[in-house]
Amino acid sequence: MEVKIVCSCGQRYQFEVEPVDGRMPVEIACPKCGADGTARANEIIAESFPHPSTPVPPTTSIAAPPAPITGSSFVMSMAVPETPTKLRISRPAPPPDTNDAA
C-alpha cells in the first residue's frame, strides 16, 4: 500500500509498504529533518483497514489431547518467515557546488 506523510517541517514524502499486523514493519523518518514518521504512518495504515464490528468470541469447546508420537521416523518441520524488506526513501541529489576554488 502507498503511504503519504506530511511532516511538521512541511516536507511531503510517500512510500510503498506491506504492513505487518496492520502496522509499519520498520521505523521511518522524514528525509528532510529526520523526525520520526512511524506513528503517523501507523495511523494512516489503521485508517485504511476496516475495523471489525463485533469481536469474535473465543471457542469454548475442549478438544481431545493429541495422540502421543511414537516411533523413530518423526520429523518436525517449521515455516521460516520471510526476511523483512528494508524501507527505501528516494532523496533528490544535492545541487552541484558552483563555487570554484581556483
N, C-alpha and C. Protein backbone atom coordinates (compact mmCIF):
# COMPACT_ATOMS: atom_id res chain seq x y z
N MET A 1 0.84 -1.17 0.00
CA MET A 1 0.00 0.00 0.00
C MET A 1 0.89 1.23 0.00
N GLU A 2 0.35 2.32 -0.49
CA GLU A 2 1.11 3.57 -0.54
C GLU A 2 0.74 4.44 0.65
N VAL A 3 1.75 4.97 1.33
CA VAL A 3 1.55 5.85 2.48
C VAL A 3 2.14 7.21 2.14
N LYS A 4 1.34 8.27 2.35
CA LYS A 4 1.79 9.64 2.11
C LYS A 4 1.78 10.38 3.44
N ILE A 5 2.89 11.04 3.76
CA ILE A 5 3.02 11.74 5.03
C ILE A 5 3.45 13.18 4.77
N VAL A 6 2.89 14.10 5.57
CA VAL A 6 3.34 15.49 5.57
C VAL A 6 3.96 15.72 6.95
N CYS A 7 5.26 15.98 6.97
CA CYS A 7 5.99 16.18 8.23
C CYS A 7 5.67 17.55 8.81
N SER A 8 5.93 17.72 10.09
CA SER A 8 5.72 19.01 10.74
C SER A 8 6.64 20.09 10.17
N CYS A 9 7.73 19.70 9.52
CA CYS A 9 8.64 20.67 8.89
C CYS A 9 8.12 21.09 7.51
N GLY A 10 7.03 20.47 7.04
CA GLY A 10 6.46 20.81 5.75
C GLY A 10 6.84 19.85 4.63
N GLN A 11 7.80 18.99 4.87
CA GLN A 11 8.25 18.03 3.85
C GLN A 11 7.17 16.98 3.62
N ARG A 12 6.88 16.72 2.35
CA ARG A 12 5.95 15.65 1.99
C ARG A 12 6.77 14.48 1.45
N TYR A 13 6.41 13.28 1.89
CA TYR A 13 7.08 12.10 1.36
C TYR A 13 6.10 10.94 1.33
N GLN A 14 6.36 10.00 0.44
CA GLN A 14 5.49 8.84 0.29
C GLN A 14 6.34 7.62 0.02
N PHE A 15 5.77 6.46 0.31
CA PHE A 15 6.48 5.21 0.11
C PHE A 15 5.49 4.07 0.05
N GLU A 16 5.92 2.98 -0.52
CA GLU A 16 5.14 1.74 -0.57
C GLU A 16 5.54 0.89 0.62
N VAL A 17 4.56 0.27 1.26
CA VAL A 17 4.85 -0.58 2.41
C VAL A 17 3.85 -1.73 2.46
N GLU A 18 4.28 -2.86 2.92
CA GLU A 18 3.42 -4.01 3.18
C GLU A 18 3.29 -4.10 4.70
N PRO A 19 2.16 -3.63 5.27
CA PRO A 19 2.03 -3.63 6.72
C PRO A 19 2.10 -5.04 7.31
N VAL A 20 2.62 -5.13 8.52
CA VAL A 20 2.68 -6.38 9.26
C VAL A 20 1.78 -6.21 10.47
N ASP A 21 0.76 -7.03 10.58
CA ASP A 21 -0.24 -6.93 11.65
C ASP A 21 -0.84 -5.53 11.71
N GLY A 22 -1.05 -4.91 10.54
CA GLY A 22 -1.68 -3.59 10.47
C GLY A 22 -0.79 -2.45 10.92
N ARG A 23 0.53 -2.66 10.94
CA ARG A 23 1.45 -1.62 11.40
C ARG A 23 2.68 -1.60 10.49
N MET A 24 3.47 -0.54 10.64
CA MET A 24 4.72 -0.42 9.90
C MET A 24 5.68 -1.51 10.36
N PRO A 25 6.36 -2.18 9.42
CA PRO A 25 7.33 -3.21 9.82
C PRO A 25 8.67 -2.62 10.26
N VAL A 26 8.93 -1.36 9.90
CA VAL A 26 10.17 -0.68 10.28
C VAL A 26 9.87 0.76 10.65
N GLU A 27 10.80 1.41 11.32
CA GLU A 27 10.64 2.82 11.64
C GLU A 27 11.00 3.64 10.40
N ILE A 28 10.34 4.80 10.26
CA ILE A 28 10.65 5.70 9.16
C ILE A 28 10.92 7.09 9.71
N ALA A 29 11.64 7.88 8.92
CA ALA A 29 11.97 9.24 9.34
C ALA A 29 11.82 10.18 8.15
N CYS A 30 11.55 11.45 8.44
CA CYS A 30 11.44 12.47 7.41
C CYS A 30 12.79 12.61 6.70
N PRO A 31 12.79 12.61 5.37
CA PRO A 31 14.06 12.74 4.66
C PRO A 31 14.69 14.12 4.79
N LYS A 32 13.91 15.12 5.21
CA LYS A 32 14.44 16.48 5.33
C LYS A 32 14.99 16.76 6.72
N CYS A 33 14.16 16.54 7.74
CA CYS A 33 14.57 16.92 9.11
C CYS A 33 14.89 15.72 9.99
N GLY A 34 14.54 14.50 9.57
CA GLY A 34 14.84 13.31 10.34
C GLY A 34 13.83 12.98 11.43
N ALA A 35 12.72 13.73 11.48
CA ALA A 35 11.70 13.46 12.51
C ALA A 35 11.08 12.08 12.28
N ASP A 36 10.73 11.40 13.37
CA ASP A 36 10.13 10.08 13.30
C ASP A 36 8.73 10.18 12.70
N GLY A 37 8.45 9.43 11.65
CA GLY A 37 7.15 9.42 11.00
C GLY A 37 6.41 8.12 11.17
N THR A 38 6.94 7.24 12.02
CA THR A 38 6.36 5.91 12.18
C THR A 38 4.94 5.97 12.76
N ALA A 39 4.73 6.80 13.77
CA ALA A 39 3.40 6.87 14.40
C ALA A 39 2.36 7.36 13.40
N ARG A 40 2.68 8.39 12.63
CA ARG A 40 1.74 8.90 11.63
C ARG A 40 1.47 7.84 10.56
N ALA A 41 2.50 7.13 10.13
CA ALA A 41 2.32 6.07 9.13
C ALA A 41 1.40 4.98 9.68
N ASN A 42 1.56 4.62 10.96
CA ASN A 42 0.68 3.62 11.57
C ASN A 42 -0.77 4.11 11.61
N GLU A 43 -0.98 5.42 11.85
CA GLU A 43 -2.33 5.97 11.84
C GLU A 43 -2.95 5.85 10.45
N ILE A 44 -2.18 6.18 9.43
CA ILE A 44 -2.67 6.11 8.06
C ILE A 44 -3.00 4.67 7.69
N ILE A 45 -2.16 3.73 8.09
CA ILE A 45 -2.42 2.32 7.81
C ILE A 45 -3.69 1.87 8.53
N ALA A 46 -3.86 2.27 9.78
CA ALA A 46 -5.04 1.88 10.55
C ALA A 46 -6.32 2.43 9.93
N GLU A 47 -6.25 3.64 9.37
CA GLU A 47 -7.42 4.24 8.73
C GLU A 47 -7.84 3.49 7.48
N SER A 48 -6.91 2.84 6.82
CA SER A 48 -7.22 2.17 5.57
C SER A 48 -7.78 0.76 5.77
N PHE A 49 -7.65 0.20 6.96
CA PHE A 49 -8.19 -1.13 7.24
C PHE A 49 -9.50 -0.99 7.99
N PRO A 50 -10.52 -1.75 7.58
CA PRO A 50 -11.80 -1.68 8.29
C PRO A 50 -11.68 -2.26 9.69
N HIS A 51 -12.38 -1.64 10.61
CA HIS A 51 -12.39 -2.12 11.99
C HIS A 51 -13.47 -3.20 12.11
N PRO A 52 -13.18 -4.29 12.82
CA PRO A 52 -14.21 -5.32 12.99
C PRO A 52 -15.37 -4.77 13.79
N SER A 53 -16.60 -5.05 13.34
CA SER A 53 -17.78 -4.51 14.01
C SER A 53 -18.03 -5.22 15.34
N THR A 54 -17.83 -6.51 15.38
CA THR A 54 -18.01 -7.25 16.64
C THR A 54 -16.82 -8.18 16.82
N PRO A 55 -16.31 -8.25 18.03
CA PRO A 55 -15.19 -9.16 18.26
C PRO A 55 -15.62 -10.61 18.13
N VAL A 56 -14.74 -11.43 17.70
CA VAL A 56 -15.01 -12.85 17.56
C VAL A 56 -14.77 -13.51 18.92
N PRO A 57 -15.80 -14.17 19.47
CA PRO A 57 -15.62 -14.79 20.79
C PRO A 57 -14.69 -16.00 20.69
N PRO A 58 -13.95 -16.26 21.75
CA PRO A 58 -13.07 -17.43 21.73
C PRO A 58 -13.90 -18.70 21.77
N THR A 59 -13.35 -19.76 21.21
CA THR A 59 -14.07 -21.03 21.22
C THR A 59 -14.00 -21.63 22.62
N THR A 60 -15.07 -22.26 23.01
CA THR A 60 -15.13 -22.84 24.36
C THR A 60 -15.12 -24.36 24.34
N SER A 61 -15.04 -24.95 23.15
CA SER A 61 -15.03 -26.40 23.10
C SER A 61 -13.66 -26.93 23.52
N ILE A 62 -13.67 -28.05 24.18
CA ILE A 62 -12.44 -28.67 24.63
C ILE A 62 -12.11 -29.82 23.69
N ALA A 63 -10.96 -29.71 23.06
CA ALA A 63 -10.56 -30.76 22.12
C ALA A 63 -9.81 -31.86 22.86
N ALA A 64 -9.85 -33.04 22.29
CA ALA A 64 -9.12 -34.16 22.87
C ALA A 64 -7.63 -33.91 22.71
N PRO A 65 -6.81 -34.35 23.66
CA PRO A 65 -5.37 -34.14 23.54
C PRO A 65 -4.83 -34.93 22.34
N PRO A 66 -3.77 -34.42 21.74
CA PRO A 66 -3.22 -35.13 20.58
C PRO A 66 -2.65 -36.49 20.98
N ALA A 67 -2.66 -37.39 20.02
CA ALA A 67 -2.13 -38.73 20.27
C ALA A 67 -0.62 -38.65 20.47
N PRO A 68 -0.06 -39.48 21.33
CA PRO A 68 1.39 -39.44 21.53
C PRO A 68 2.13 -39.85 20.26
N ILE A 69 3.31 -39.30 20.09
CA ILE A 69 4.14 -39.60 18.93
C ILE A 69 5.01 -40.79 19.28
N THR A 70 4.95 -41.80 18.43
CA THR A 70 5.75 -42.99 18.68
C THR A 70 6.59 -43.31 17.46
N GLY A 71 7.62 -44.04 17.63
CA GLY A 71 8.48 -44.44 16.52
C GLY A 71 9.64 -43.46 16.35
N SER A 72 10.58 -43.85 15.52
CA SER A 72 11.77 -43.02 15.33
C SER A 72 11.74 -42.24 14.02
N SER A 73 10.63 -42.28 13.28
CA SER A 73 10.58 -41.59 11.99
C SER A 73 9.91 -40.22 12.08
N PHE A 74 9.76 -39.69 13.28
CA PHE A 74 9.13 -38.39 13.46
C PHE A 74 10.05 -37.28 12.94
N VAL A 75 9.50 -36.41 12.09
CA VAL A 75 10.24 -35.26 11.56
C VAL A 75 9.41 -34.02 11.83
N MET A 76 10.04 -33.03 12.40
CA MET A 76 9.34 -31.79 12.70
C MET A 76 9.73 -30.74 11.66
N SER A 77 8.75 -30.08 11.07
CA SER A 77 9.06 -29.02 10.12
C SER A 77 8.50 -27.71 10.66
N MET A 78 9.16 -26.64 10.33
CA MET A 78 8.76 -25.34 10.83
C MET A 78 8.84 -24.35 9.68
N ALA A 79 7.83 -23.51 9.54
CA ALA A 79 7.85 -22.49 8.49
C ALA A 79 8.82 -21.38 8.88
N VAL A 80 9.63 -20.97 7.94
CA VAL A 80 10.59 -19.91 8.19
C VAL A 80 10.01 -18.61 7.63
N PRO A 81 9.89 -17.56 8.46
CA PRO A 81 9.30 -16.32 7.96
C PRO A 81 10.23 -15.66 6.94
N GLU A 82 9.61 -14.90 6.02
CA GLU A 82 10.40 -14.17 5.04
C GLU A 82 11.21 -13.09 5.75
N THR A 83 12.33 -12.76 5.17
CA THR A 83 13.15 -11.69 5.72
C THR A 83 12.44 -10.37 5.46
N PRO A 84 12.34 -9.51 6.48
CA PRO A 84 11.67 -8.23 6.24
C PRO A 84 12.47 -7.38 5.26
N THR A 85 11.74 -6.65 4.43
CA THR A 85 12.41 -5.79 3.47
C THR A 85 12.74 -4.46 4.13
N LYS A 86 13.77 -3.82 3.63
CA LYS A 86 14.16 -2.53 4.17
C LYS A 86 13.43 -1.44 3.41
N LEU A 87 13.10 -0.37 4.10
CA LEU A 87 12.41 0.75 3.53
C LEU A 87 13.40 1.63 2.78
N ARG A 88 13.06 2.01 1.55
CA ARG A 88 13.91 2.88 0.76
C ARG A 88 13.15 4.17 0.49
N ILE A 89 13.75 5.29 0.79
CA ILE A 89 13.16 6.58 0.50
C ILE A 89 14.12 7.32 -0.42
N SER A 90 13.61 7.74 -1.56
CA SER A 90 14.45 8.45 -2.54
C SER A 90 14.62 9.90 -2.09
N ARG A 91 15.83 10.39 -2.21
CA ARG A 91 16.12 11.78 -1.91
C ARG A 91 16.71 12.42 -3.16
N PRO A 92 16.35 13.67 -3.44
CA PRO A 92 16.95 14.32 -4.60
C PRO A 92 18.44 14.54 -4.36
N ALA A 93 19.20 14.49 -5.44
CA ALA A 93 20.65 14.70 -5.34
C ALA A 93 20.92 16.15 -4.94
N PRO A 94 21.95 16.40 -4.13
CA PRO A 94 22.26 17.78 -3.74
C PRO A 94 22.72 18.56 -4.97
N PRO A 95 22.44 19.87 -4.98
CA PRO A 95 22.85 20.66 -6.14
C PRO A 95 24.36 20.68 -6.25
N PRO A 96 24.90 20.77 -7.46
CA PRO A 96 26.34 20.80 -7.63
C PRO A 96 26.93 22.07 -7.04
N ASP A 97 28.12 21.97 -6.53
CA ASP A 97 28.81 23.12 -5.93
C ASP A 97 29.25 24.04 -7.05
N THR A 98 28.75 25.28 -7.06
CA THR A 98 29.09 26.22 -8.13
C THR A 98 30.23 27.16 -7.75
N ASN A 99 30.72 27.03 -6.52
CA ASN A 99 31.86 27.87 -6.10
C ASN A 99 33.14 27.22 -6.60
N ASP A 100 33.83 27.93 -7.47
CA ASP A 100 35.11 27.43 -7.97
C ASP A 100 36.22 27.95 -7.07
N ALA A 101 36.92 27.04 -6.45
CA ALA A 101 38.03 27.43 -5.56
C ALA A 101 39.32 27.35 -6.34
N ALA A 102 39.50 28.23 -7.30
CA ALA A 102 40.68 28.18 -8.15
C ALA A 102 41.69 29.23 -7.75
